[in-house]
PDB file of N, CA and C in Angstrom:
ATOM      1  N   MET A   1     -11.994  -3.023   6.264  1.00  0.00           N
ATOM      2  CA  MET A   1     -12.120  -1.943   5.316  1.00  0.00           C
ATOM      3  C   MET A   1     -11.919  -0.619   6.030  1.00  0.00           C
ATOM      4  N   SER A   2     -11.597   0.398   5.225  1.00  0.00           N
ATOM      5  CA  SER A   2     -11.320   1.708   5.770  1.00  0.00           C
ATOM      6  C   SER A   2     -12.601   2.519   5.907  1.00  0.00           C
ATOM      7  N   GLU A   3     -12.699   3.284   6.979  1.00  0.00           N
ATOM      8  CA  GLU A   3     -13.808   4.212   7.089  1.00  0.00           C
ATOM      9  C   GLU A   3     -13.305   5.638   6.842  1.00  0.00           C
ATOM     10  N   HIS A   4     -12.048   5.775   6.523  1.00  0.00           N
ATOM     11  CA  HIS A   4     -11.423   7.067   6.223  1.00  0.00           C
ATOM     12  C   HIS A   4     -11.399   7.289   4.726  1.00  0.00           C
ATOM     13  N   SER A   5     -11.564   8.534   4.344  1.00  0.00           N
ATOM     14  CA  SER A   5     -11.586   8.880   2.925  1.00  0.00           C
ATOM     15  C   SER A   5     -10.152   8.909   2.371  1.00  0.00           C
ATOM     16  N   LEU A   6      -9.910   8.044   1.387  1.00  0.00           N
ATOM     17  CA  LEU A   6      -8.607   7.980   0.726  1.00  0.00           C
ATOM     18  C   LEU A   6      -8.798   8.329  -0.748  1.00  0.00           C
ATOM     19  N   PRO A   7      -7.756   8.864  -1.399  1.00  0.00           N
ATOM     20  CA  PRO A   7      -7.835   9.024  -2.839  1.00  0.00           C
ATOM     21  C   PRO A   7      -8.095   7.656  -3.492  1.00  0.00           C
ATOM     22  N   ALA A   8      -8.785   7.668  -4.625  1.00  0.00           N
ATOM     23  CA  ALA A   8      -9.189   6.408  -5.271  1.00  0.00           C
ATOM     24  C   ALA A   8      -8.048   5.431  -5.487  1.00  0.00           C
ATOM     25  N   PRO A   9      -6.860   5.861  -5.963  1.00  0.00           N
ATOM     26  CA  PRO A   9      -5.784   4.880  -6.163  1.00  0.00           C
ATOM     27  C   PRO A   9      -5.304   4.234  -4.848  1.00  0.00           C
ATOM     28  N   ALA A  10      -5.272   4.980  -3.788  1.00  0.00           N
ATOM     29  CA  ALA A  10      -4.886   4.447  -2.480  1.00  0.00           C
ATOM     30  C   ALA A  10      -5.961   3.476  -1.985  1.00  0.00           C
ATOM     31  N   GLN A  11      -7.208   3.831  -2.115  1.00  0.00           N
ATOM     32  CA  GLN A  11      -8.280   2.953  -1.712  1.00  0.00           C
ATOM     33  C   GLN A  11      -8.253   1.669  -2.528  1.00  0.00           C
ATOM     34  N   ALA A  12      -7.950   1.793  -3.808  1.00  0.00           N
ATOM     35  CA  ALA A  12      -7.839   0.598  -4.650  1.00  0.00           C
ATOM     36  C   ALA A  12      -6.790  -0.357  -4.152  1.00  0.00           C
ATOM     37  N   MET A  13      -5.651   0.178  -3.697  1.00  0.00           N
ATOM     38  CA  MET A  13      -4.592  -0.664  -3.149  1.00  0.00           C
ATOM     39  C   MET A  13      -5.031  -1.364  -1.870  1.00  0.00           C
ATOM     40  N   VAL A  14      -5.633  -0.624  -0.975  1.00  0.00           N
ATOM     41  CA  VAL A  14      -6.134  -1.211   0.284  1.00  0.00           C
ATOM     42  C   VAL A  14      -7.193  -2.299  -0.020  1.00  0.00           C
ATOM     43  N   ASP A  15      -8.088  -2.002  -0.926  1.00  0.00           N
ATOM     44  CA  ASP A  15      -9.145  -2.962  -1.271  1.00  0.00           C
ATOM     45  C   ASP A  15      -8.532  -4.216  -1.884  1.00  0.00           C
ATOM     46  N   ALA A  16      -7.514  -4.032  -2.719  1.00  0.00           N
ATOM     47  CA  ALA A  16      -6.862  -5.191  -3.371  1.00  0.00           C
ATOM     48  C   ALA A  16      -6.190  -6.085  -2.334  1.00  0.00           C
ATOM     49  N   ILE A  17      -5.535  -5.488  -1.340  1.00  0.00           N
ATOM     50  CA  ILE A  17      -4.904  -6.297  -0.266  1.00  0.00           C
ATOM     51  C   ILE A  17      -5.966  -7.068   0.453  1.00  0.00           C
ATOM     52  N   ASN A  18      -7.031  -6.407   0.859  1.00  0.00           N
ATOM     53  CA  ASN A  18      -8.066  -7.061   1.654  1.00  0.00           C
ATOM     54  C   ASN A  18      -8.883  -8.103   0.866  1.00  0.00           C
ATOM     55  N   ALA A  19      -8.891  -7.980  -0.458  1.00  0.00           N
ATOM     56  CA  ALA A  19      -9.562  -8.945  -1.312  1.00  0.00           C
ATOM     57  C   ALA A  19      -8.615 -10.047  -1.796  1.00  0.00           C
ATOM     58  N   ALA A  20      -7.343  -9.949  -1.392  1.00  0.00           N
ATOM     59  CA  ALA A  20      -6.300 -10.892  -1.834  1.00  0.00           C
ATOM     60  C   ALA A  20      -6.248 -10.959  -3.355  1.00  0.00           C
ATOM     61  N   ASP A  21      -6.275  -9.762  -3.982  1.00  0.00           N
ATOM     62  CA  ASP A  21      -6.283  -9.657  -5.457  1.00  0.00           C
ATOM     63  C   ASP A  21      -4.974  -9.057  -5.932  1.00  0.00           C
ATOM     64  N   THR A  22      -4.011  -9.898  -6.244  1.00  0.00           N
ATOM     65  CA  THR A  22      -2.695  -9.411  -6.658  1.00  0.00           C
ATOM     66  C   THR A  22      -2.764  -8.581  -7.927  1.00  0.00           C
ATOM     67  N   GLU A  23      -3.584  -8.983  -8.901  1.00  0.00           N
ATOM     68  CA  GLU A  23      -3.680  -8.227 -10.156  1.00  0.00           C
ATOM     69  C   GLU A  23      -4.205  -6.819  -9.906  1.00  0.00           C
ATOM     70  N   ALA A  24      -5.215  -6.687  -9.064  1.00  0.00           N
ATOM     71  CA  ALA A  24      -5.762  -5.360  -8.740  1.00  0.00           C
ATOM     72  C   ALA A  24      -4.720  -4.538  -7.965  1.00  0.00           C
ATOM     73  N   PHE A  25      -3.966  -5.211  -7.116  1.00  0.00           N
ATOM     74  CA  PHE A  25      -2.899  -4.528  -6.380  1.00  0.00           C
ATOM     75  C   PHE A  25      -1.886  -3.911  -7.334  1.00  0.00           C
ATOM     76  N   VAL A  26      -1.376  -4.705  -8.256  1.00  0.00           N
ATOM     77  CA  VAL A  26      -0.396  -4.212  -9.236  1.00  0.00           C
ATOM     78  C   VAL A  26      -1.013  -3.129 -10.098  1.00  0.00           C
ATOM     79  N   ALA A  27      -2.258  -3.286 -10.486  1.00  0.00           N
ATOM     80  CA  ALA A  27      -2.942  -2.317 -11.374  1.00  0.00           C
ATOM     81  C   ALA A  27      -3.162  -0.966 -10.678  1.00  0.00           C
ATOM     82  N   ALA A  28      -3.119  -0.920  -9.349  1.00  0.00           N
ATOM     83  CA  ALA A  28      -3.295   0.355  -8.641  1.00  0.00           C
ATOM     84  C   ALA A  28      -2.103   1.289  -8.838  1.00  0.00           C
ATOM     85  N   PHE A  29      -0.961   0.748  -9.269  1.00  0.00           N
ATOM     86  CA  PHE A  29       0.272   1.540  -9.427  1.00  0.00           C
ATOM     87  C   PHE A  29       0.527   1.929 -10.887  1.00  0.00           C
ATOM     88  N   SER A  30       1.210   3.046 -11.074  1.00  0.00           N
ATOM     89  CA  SER A  30       1.644   3.435 -12.406  1.00  0.00           C
ATOM     90  C   SER A  30       2.739   2.471 -12.865  1.00  0.00           C
ATOM     91  N   ALA A  31       3.005   2.464 -14.140  1.00  0.00           N
ATOM     92  CA  ALA A  31       3.997   1.526 -14.708  1.00  0.00           C
ATOM     93  C   ALA A  31       5.368   1.651 -14.061  1.00  0.00           C
ATOM     94  N   ASP A  32       5.731   2.854 -13.629  1.00  0.00           N
ATOM     95  CA  ASP A  32       7.022   3.073 -12.987  1.00  0.00           C
ATOM     96  C   ASP A  32       6.876   3.288 -11.486  1.00  0.00           C
ATOM     97  N   GLY A  33       5.764   2.825 -10.919  1.00  0.00           N
ATOM     98  CA  GLY A  33       5.519   2.964  -9.484  1.00  0.00           C
ATOM     99  C   GLY A  33       6.394   2.027  -8.675  1.00  0.00           C
ATOM    100  N   HIS A  34       6.368   2.245  -7.345  1.00  0.00           N
ATOM    101  CA  HIS A  34       7.148   1.388  -6.472  1.00  0.00           C
ATOM    102  C   HIS A  34       6.550   1.283  -5.076  1.00  0.00           C
ATOM    103  N   VAL A  35       6.963   0.253  -4.355  1.00  0.00           N
ATOM    104  CA  VAL A  35       6.699   0.072  -2.932  1.00  0.00           C
ATOM    105  C   VAL A  35       8.028   0.166  -2.233  1.00  0.00           C
ATOM    106  N   SER A  36       8.071   0.960  -1.162  1.00  0.00           N
ATOM    107  CA  SER A  36       9.288   1.063  -0.319  1.00  0.00           C
ATOM    108  C   SER A  36       8.881   0.639   1.085  1.00  0.00           C
ATOM    109  N   ASP A  37       9.420  -0.495   1.515  1.00  0.00           N
ATOM    110  CA  ASP A  37       9.089  -1.064   2.810  1.00  0.00           C
ATOM    111  C   ASP A  37      10.329  -1.068   3.675  1.00  0.00           C
ATOM    112  N   TRP A  38      10.377  -0.091   4.584  1.00  0.00           N
ATOM    113  CA  TRP A  38      11.541   0.088   5.482  1.00  0.00           C
ATOM    114  C   TRP A  38      12.835   0.229   4.657  1.00  0.00           C
ATOM    115  N   GLY A  39      12.753   0.915   3.526  1.00  0.00           N
ATOM    116  CA  GLY A  39      13.930   1.186   2.717  1.00  0.00           C
ATOM    117  C   GLY A  39      14.183   0.170   1.630  1.00  0.00           C
ATOM    118  N   THR A  40      13.505  -0.971   1.643  1.00  0.00           N
ATOM    119  CA  THR A  40      13.629  -1.948   0.565  1.00  0.00           C
ATOM    120  C   THR A  40      12.626  -1.564  -0.512  1.00  0.00           C
ATOM    121  N   VAL A  41      13.125  -1.216  -1.691  1.00  0.00           N
ATOM    122  CA  VAL A  41      12.280  -0.718  -2.782  1.00  0.00           C
ATOM    123  C   VAL A  41      12.042  -1.825  -3.808  1.00  0.00           C
ATOM    124  N   LYS A  42      10.779  -2.006  -4.142  1.00  0.00           N
ATOM    125  CA  LYS A  42      10.374  -2.937  -5.209  1.00  0.00           C
ATOM    126  C   LYS A  42       9.666  -2.091  -6.276  1.00  0.00           C
ATOM    127  N   ALA A  43      10.281  -1.991  -7.455  1.00  0.00           N
ATOM    128  CA  ALA A  43       9.791  -1.072  -8.482  1.00  0.00           C
ATOM    129  C   ALA A  43       9.235  -1.799  -9.711  1.00  0.00           C
ATOM    130  N   GLY A  44       8.332  -1.079 -10.389  1.00  0.00           N
ATOM    131  CA  GLY A  44       7.712  -1.586 -11.591  1.00  0.00           C
ATOM    132  C   GLY A  44       6.751  -2.704 -11.275  1.00  0.00           C
ATOM    133  N   PRO A  45       5.979  -3.139 -12.250  1.00  0.00           N
ATOM    134  CA  PRO A  45       4.990  -4.179 -12.020  1.00  0.00           C
ATOM    135  C   PRO A  45       5.562  -5.460 -11.415  1.00  0.00           C
ATOM    136  N   ASP A  46       6.740  -5.904 -11.879  1.00  0.00           N
ATOM    137  CA  ASP A  46       7.323  -7.144 -11.360  1.00  0.00           C
ATOM    138  C   ASP A  46       7.762  -6.972  -9.898  1.00  0.00           C
ATOM    139  N   GLY A  47       8.331  -5.846  -9.553  1.00  0.00           N
ATOM    140  CA  GLY A  47       8.741  -5.606  -8.186  1.00  0.00           C
ATOM    141  C   GLY A  47       7.543  -5.456  -7.263  1.00  0.00           C
ATOM    142  N   ILE A  48       6.535  -4.758  -7.717  1.00  0.00           N
ATOM    143  CA  ILE A  48       5.317  -4.566  -6.916  1.00  0.00           C
ATOM    144  C   ILE A  48       4.623  -5.919  -6.704  1.00  0.00           C
ATOM    145  N   ARG A  49       4.547  -6.735  -7.726  1.00  0.00           N
ATOM    146  CA  ARG A  49       3.977  -8.059  -7.626  1.00  0.00           C
ATOM    147  C   ARG A  49       4.772  -8.925  -6.617  1.00  0.00           C
ATOM    148  N   SER A  50       6.101  -8.820  -6.712  1.00  0.00           N
ATOM    149  CA  SER A  50       6.960  -9.555  -5.791  1.00  0.00           C
ATOM    150  C   SER A  50       6.684  -9.206  -4.357  1.00  0.00           C
ATOM    151  N   TRP A  51       6.573  -7.901  -4.045  1.00  0.00           N
ATOM    152  CA  TRP A  51       6.293  -7.468  -2.680  1.00  0.00           C
ATOM    153  C   TRP A  51       4.908  -7.978  -2.244  1.00  0.00           C
ATOM    154  N   ALA A  52       3.921  -7.874  -3.154  1.00  0.00           N
ATOM    155  CA  ALA A  52       2.583  -8.346  -2.803  1.00  0.00           C
ATOM    156  C   ALA A  52       2.617  -9.816  -2.475  1.00  0.00           C
ATOM    157  N   GLU A  53       3.391 -10.592  -3.221  1.00  0.00           N
ATOM    158  CA  GLU A  53       3.411 -12.037  -3.006  1.00  0.00           C
ATOM    159  C   GLU A  53       4.152 -12.441  -1.733  1.00  0.00           C
ATOM    160  N   THR A  54       5.217 -11.706  -1.357  1.00  0.00           N
ATOM    161  CA  THR A  54       5.983 -12.103  -0.185  1.00  0.00           C
ATOM    162  C   THR A  54       5.546 -11.399   1.103  1.00  0.00           C
ATOM    163  N   ASP A  55       5.125 -10.153   1.013  1.00  0.00           N
ATOM    164  CA  ASP A  55       4.885  -9.375   2.241  1.00  0.00           C
ATOM    165  C   ASP A  55       3.435  -8.977   2.466  1.00  0.00           C
ATOM    166  N   ALA A  56       2.587  -9.137   1.475  1.00  0.00           N
ATOM    167  CA  ALA A  56       1.215  -8.675   1.620  1.00  0.00           C
ATOM    168  C   ALA A  56       0.223  -9.785   1.312  1.00  0.00           C
ATOM    169  N   ILE A  57      -0.231  -9.854   0.108  1.00  0.00           N
ATOM    170  CA  ILE A  57      -1.307 -10.793  -0.292  1.00  0.00           C
ATOM    171  C   ILE A  57      -0.867 -12.240  -0.052  1.00  0.00           C
ATOM    172  N   GLY A  58       0.342 -12.578  -0.451  1.00  0.00           N
ATOM    173  CA  GLY A  58       0.834 -13.919  -0.244  1.00  0.00           C
ATOM    174  C   GLY A  58       1.036 -14.283   1.216  1.00  0.00           C
ATOM    175  N   ALA A  59       1.073 -13.284   2.068  1.00  0.00           N
ATOM    176  CA  ALA A  59       1.236 -13.491   3.515  1.00  0.00           C
ATOM    177  C   ALA A  59      -0.098 -13.393   4.231  1.00  0.00           C
ATOM    178  N   GLY A  60      -1.210 -13.344   3.454  1.00  0.00           N
ATOM    179  CA  GLY A  60      -2.535 -13.292   4.067  1.00  0.00           C
ATOM    180  C   GLY A  60      -2.838 -11.983   4.726  1.00  0.00           C
ATOM    181  N   ALA A  61      -2.285 -10.885   4.229  1.00  0.00           N
ATOM    182  CA  ALA A  61      -2.438  -9.573   4.886  1.00  0.00           C
ATOM    183  C   ALA A  61      -3.866  -9.054   4.850  1.00  0.00           C
ATOM    184  N   ARG A  62      -4.184  -8.335   5.906  1.00  0.00           N
ATOM    185  CA  ARG A  62      -5.404  -7.541   5.996  1.00  0.00           C
ATOM    186  C   ARG A  62      -4.967  -6.179   6.501  1.00  0.00           C
ATOM    187  N   MET A  63      -5.497  -5.138   5.908  1.00  0.00           N
ATOM    188  CA  MET A  63      -5.071  -3.760   6.198  1.00  0.00           C
ATOM    189  C   MET A  63      -6.303  -2.938   6.594  1.00  0.00           C
ATOM    190  N   THR A  64      -6.195  -2.233   7.718  1.00  0.00           N
ATOM    191  CA  THR A  64      -7.245  -1.333   8.183  1.00  0.00           C
ATOM    192  C   THR A  64      -6.655   0.052   8.385  1.00  0.00           C
ATOM    193  N   VAL A  65      -7.173   1.019   7.682  1.00  0.00           N
ATOM    194  CA  VAL A  65      -6.700   2.413   7.814  1.00  0.00           C
ATOM    195  C   VAL A  65      -7.291   3.010   9.091  1.00  0.00           C
ATOM    196  N   LEU A  66      -6.418   3.482   9.983  1.00  0.00           N
ATOM    197  CA  LEU A  66      -6.846   4.020  11.250  1.00  0.00           C
ATOM    198  C   LEU A  66      -6.997   5.545  11.203  1.00  0.00           C
ATOM    199  N   SER A  67      -6.172   6.200  10.383  1.00  0.00           N
ATOM    200  CA  SER A  67      -6.257   7.641  10.192  1.00  0.00           C
ATOM    201  C   SER A  67      -5.636   7.981   8.862  1.00  0.00           C
ATOM    202  N   ALA A  68      -6.063   9.136   8.285  1.00  0.00           N
ATOM    203  CA  ALA A  68      -5.532   9.577   7.004  1.00  0.00           C
ATOM    204  C   ALA A  68      -5.578  11.067   6.886  1.00  0.00           C
ATOM    205  N   THR A  69      -4.510  11.659   6.379  1.00  0.00           N
ATOM    206  CA  THR A  69      -4.457  13.081   6.063  1.00  0.00           C
ATOM    207  C   THR A  69      -3.880  13.238   4.671  1.00  0.00           C
ATOM    208  N   SER A  70      -4.526  14.087   3.885  1.00  0.00           N
ATOM    209  CA  SER A  70      -4.093  14.285   2.496  1.00  0.00           C
ATOM    210  C   SER A  70      -3.756  15.740   2.224  1.00  0.00           C
ATOM    211  N   GLY A  71      -2.787  15.933   1.330  1.00  0.00           N
ATOM    212  CA  GLY A  71      -2.423  17.260   0.871  1.00  0.00           C
ATOM    213  C   GLY A  71      -1.700  17.105  -0.464  1.00  0.00           C
ATOM    214  N   ASP A  72      -2.068  17.940  -1.399  1.00  0.00           N
ATOM    215  CA  ASP A  72      -1.505  17.829  -2.757  1.00  0.00           C
ATOM    216  C   ASP A  72      -1.636  16.406  -3.264  1.00  0.00           C
ATOM    217  N   ASN A  73      -0.543  15.787  -3.625  1.00  0.00           N
ATOM    218  CA  ASN A  73      -0.614  14.433  -4.166  1.00  0.00           C
ATOM    219  C   ASN A  73      -0.158  13.371  -3.173  1.00  0.00           C
ATOM    220  N   THR A  74      -0.094  13.735  -1.884  1.00  0.00           N
ATOM    221  CA  THR A  74       0.403  12.808  -0.850  1.00  0.00           C
ATOM    222  C   THR A  74      -0.649  12.563   0.199  1.00  0.00           C
ATOM    223  N   THR A  75      -0.826  11.308   0.574  1.00  0.00           N
ATOM    224  CA  THR A  75      -1.705  10.938   1.672  1.00  0.00           C
ATOM    225  C   THR A  75      -0.905  10.123   2.673  1.00  0.00           C
ATOM    226  N   ARG A  76      -0.941  10.580   3.924  1.00  0.00           N
ATOM    227  CA  ARG A  76      -0.259   9.862   5.011  1.00  0.00           C
ATOM    228  C   ARG A  76      -1.318   9.138   5.829  1.00  0.00           C
ATOM    229  N   ILE A  77      -0.996   7.866   6.150  1.00  0.00           N
ATOM    230  CA  ILE A  77      -1.947   7.085   6.923  1.00  0.00           C
ATOM    231  C   ILE A  77      -1.264   6.436   8.127  1.00  0.00           C
ATOM    232  N   ARG A  78      -2.050   6.040   9.067  1.00  0.00           N
ATOM    233  CA  ARG A  78      -1.688   5.104  10.132  1.00  0.00           C
ATOM    234  C   ARG A  78      -2.570   3.928   9.894  1.00  0.00           C
ATOM    235  N   PHE A  79      -1.989   2.717   9.866  1.00  0.00           N
ATOM    236  CA  PHE A  79      -2.790   1.561   9.548  1.00  0.00           C
ATOM    237  C   PHE A  79      -2.443   0.359  10.431  1.00  0.00           C
ATOM    238  N   ALA A  80      -3.423  -0.462  10.612  1.00  0.00           N
ATOM    239  CA  ALA A  80      -3.233  -1.774  11.302  1.00  0.00           C
ATOM    240  C   ALA A  80      -3.052  -2.818  10.219  1.00  0.00           C
ATOM    241  N   TRP A  81      -2.150  -3.734  10.483  1.00  0.00           N
ATOM    242  CA  TRP A  81      -1.783  -4.781   9.500  1.00  0.00           C
ATOM    243  C   TRP A  81      -1.705  -6.121  10.218  1.00  0.00           C
ATOM    244  N   THR A  82      -2.301  -7.118   9.621  1.00  0.00           N
ATOM    245  CA  THR A  82      -2.240  -8.465  10.147  1.00  0.00           C
ATOM    246  C   THR A  82      -1.817  -9.369   9.016  1.00  0.00           C
ATOM    247  N   SER A  83      -0.724 -10.118   9.187  1.00  0.00           N
ATOM    248  CA  SER A  83      -0.262 -11.075   8.185  1.00  0.00           C
ATOM    249  C   SER A  83       0.659 -12.095   8.862  1.00  0.00           C
ATOM    250  N   SER A  84       1.101 -13.046   8.078  1.00  0.00           N
ATOM    251  CA  SER A  84       2.048 -14.022   8.613  1.00  0.00           C
ATOM    252  C   SER A  84       3.452 -13.450   8.729  1.00  0.00           C
ATOM    253  N   VAL A  85       3.688 -12.264   8.158  1.00  0.00           N
ATOM    254  CA  VAL A  85       5.009 -11.606   8.190  1.00  0.00           C
ATOM    255  C   VAL A  85       5.081 -10.579   9.328  1.00  0.00           C
ATOM    256  N   PHE A  86       4.000  -9.817   9.514  1.00  0.00           N
ATOM    257  CA  PHE A  86       4.006  -8.729  10.487  1.00  0.00           C
ATOM    258  C   PHE A  86       2.578  -8.494  10.940  1.00  0.00           C
ATOM    259  N   THR A  87       2.392  -8.258  12.239  1.00  0.00           N
ATOM    260  CA  THR A  87       1.113  -7.836  12.790  1.00  0.00           C
ATOM    261  C   THR A  87       1.393  -6.690  13.708  1.00  0.00           C
ATOM    262  N   GLY A  88       0.688  -5.584  13.452  1.00  0.00           N
ATOM    263  CA  GLY A  88       0.852  -4.406  14.261  1.00  0.00           C
ATOM    264  C   GLY A  88       0.397  -3.191  13.513  1.00  0.00           C
ATOM    265  N   GLU A  89       0.820  -2.000  14.005  1.00  0.00           N
ATOM    266  CA  GLU A  89       0.491  -0.741  13.367  1.00  0.00           C
ATOM    267  C   GLU A  89       1.704  -0.126  12.716  1.00  0.00           C
ATOM    268  N   SER A  90       1.492   0.568  11.630  1.00  0.00           N
ATOM    269  CA  SER A  90       2.576   1.266  10.898  1.00  0.00           C
ATOM    270  C   SER A  90       2.051   2.542  10.306  1.00  0.00           C
ATOM    271  N   ASP A  91       2.978   3.361   9.876  1.00  0.00           N
ATOM    272  CA  ASP A  91       2.658   4.545   9.094  1.00  0.00           C
ATOM    273  C   ASP A  91       2.821   4.187   7.605  1.00  0.00           C
ATOM    274  N   GLY A  92       2.139   4.897   6.761  1.00  0.00           N
ATOM    275  CA  GLY A  92       2.265   4.677   5.332  1.00  0.00           C
ATOM    276  C   GLY A  92       2.120   5.995   4.592  1.00  0.00           C
ATOM    277  N   ILE A  93       2.746   6.101   3.453  1.00  0.00           N
ATOM    278  CA  ILE A  93       2.660   7.302   2.654  1.00  0.00           C
ATOM    279  C   ILE A  93       2.346   6.905   1.201  1.00  0.00           C
ATOM    280  N   PHE A  94       1.225   7.382   0.691  1.00  0.00           N
ATOM    281  CA  PHE A  94       0.855   7.191  -0.712  1.00  0.00           C
ATOM    282  C   PHE A  94       1.224   8.453  -1.473  1.00  0.00           C
ATOM    283  N   VAL A  95       1.845   8.295  -2.633  1.00  0.00           N
ATOM    284  CA  VAL A  95       2.004   9.410  -3.565  1.00  0.00           C
ATOM    285  C   VAL A  95       1.212   9.060  -4.797  1.00  0.00           C
ATOM    286  N   ILE A  96       0.294   9.976  -5.177  1.00  0.00           N
ATOM    287  CA  ILE A  96      -0.646   9.763  -6.259  1.00  0.00           C
ATOM    288  C   ILE A  96      -0.105  10.444  -7.526  1.00  0.00           C
ATOM    289  N   ASP A  97      -0.235   9.721  -8.641  1.00  0.00           N
ATOM    290  CA  ASP A  97       0.114  10.255  -9.957  1.00  0.00           C
ATOM    291  C   ASP A  97      -1.082  10.028 -10.880  1.00  0.00           C
ATOM    292  N   GLY A  98      -1.910  11.075 -11.004  1.00  0.00           N
ATOM    293  CA  GLY A  98      -3.115  10.929 -11.807  1.00  0.00           C
ATOM    294  C   GLY A  98      -4.091   9.969 -11.179  1.00  0.00           C
ATOM    295  N   ASP A  99      -4.436   8.896 -11.886  1.00  0.00           N
ATOM    296  CA  ASP A  99      -5.372   7.919 -11.341  1.00  0.00           C
ATOM    297  C   ASP A  99      -4.681   6.649 -10.851  1.00  0.00           C
ATOM    298  N   LYS A 100      -3.357   6.739 -10.612  1.00  0.00           N
ATOM    299  CA  LYS A 100      -2.565   5.598 -10.152  1.00  0.00           C
ATOM    300  C   LYS A 100      -1.702   6.017  -8.961  1.00  0.00           C
ATOM    301  N   LEU A 101      -1.157   5.027  -8.297  1.00  0.00           N
ATOM    302  CA  LEU A 101      -0.160   5.293  -7.243  1.00  0.00           C
ATOM    303  C   LEU A 101       1.216   5.404  -7.863  1.00  0.00           C
ATOM    304  N   ALA A 102       1.947   6.438  -7.536  1.00  0.00           N
ATOM    305  CA  ALA A 102       3.376   6.525  -7.905  1.00  0.00           C
ATOM    306  C   ALA A 102       4.164   5.700  -6.924  1.00  0.00           C
ATOM    307  N   SER A 103       3.721   5.704  -5.654  1.00  0.00           N
ATOM    308  CA  SER A 103       4.456   4.918  -4.638  1.00  0.00           C
ATOM    309  C   SER A 103       3.590   4.720  -3.374  1.00  0.00           C
ATOM    310  N   PHE A 104       3.990   3.669  -2.671  1.00  0.00           N
ATOM    311  CA  PHE A 104       3.494   3.420  -1.311  1.00  0.00           C
ATOM    312  C   PHE A 104       4.727   3.144  -0.484  1.00  0.00           C
ATOM    313  N   THR A 105       4.930   3.953   0.557  1.00  0.00           N
ATOM    314  CA  THR A 105       6.105   3.839   1.423  1.00  0.00           C
ATOM    315  C   THR A 105       5.677   3.508   2.848  1.00  0.00           C
ATOM    316  N   ILE A 106       6.359   2.533   3.410  1.00  0.00           N
ATOM    317  CA  ILE A 106       6.234   2.224   4.844  1.00  0.00           C
ATOM    318  C   ILE A 106       7.609   2.601   5.438  1.00  0.00           C
ATOM    319  N   PRO A 107       7.681   3.778   6.078  1.00  0.00           N
ATOM    320  CA  PRO A 107       8.986   4.208   6.603  1.00  0.00           C
ATOM    321  C   PRO A 107       9.347   3.449   7.845  1.00  0.00           C
ATOM    322  N   PRO A 108      10.662   3.358   8.116  1.00  0.00           N
ATOM    323  CA  PRO A 108      11.109   2.720   9.352  1.00  0.00           C
ATOM    324  C   PRO A 108      10.464   3.414  10.550  1.00  0.00           C
ATOM    325  N   SER A 109      10.101   2.681  11.566  1.00  0.00           N
ATOM    326  CA  SER A 109       9.396   3.285  12.713  1.00  0.00           C
ATOM    327  C   SER A 109      10.325   3.842  13.768  1.00  0.00           C
ATOM    328  N   HIS A 110      11.604   3.842  13.547  1.00  0.00           N
ATOM    329  CA  HIS A 110      12.492   4.423  14.529  1.00  0.00           C
ATOM    330  C   HIS A 110      13.225   5.625  13.982  1.00  0.00           C
TER     331      HIS A 110
END
């Protein structure tokens, strides 16, 4: 779990991953929200669910937020990730739209 203060929609996404709750993960996003993982974009509820099933929850992921900075509607994090797909640290960017996530982006690390 995170000890850093995140906006509620971002925290809901992290909690959903760590609880292995795909429905809560999808519900954290707006209807037109998306996940962008190294440039691969999965949009809308079906795309977000697909990413959760292949790269996150379905891969046994656990996410720990190491640092977080927020401004306006954007929160940037550094996080540790453990799954059957990837284990290591990454950067992430949440964009908040009201009480939902508009997007979660994992930019390429190079």
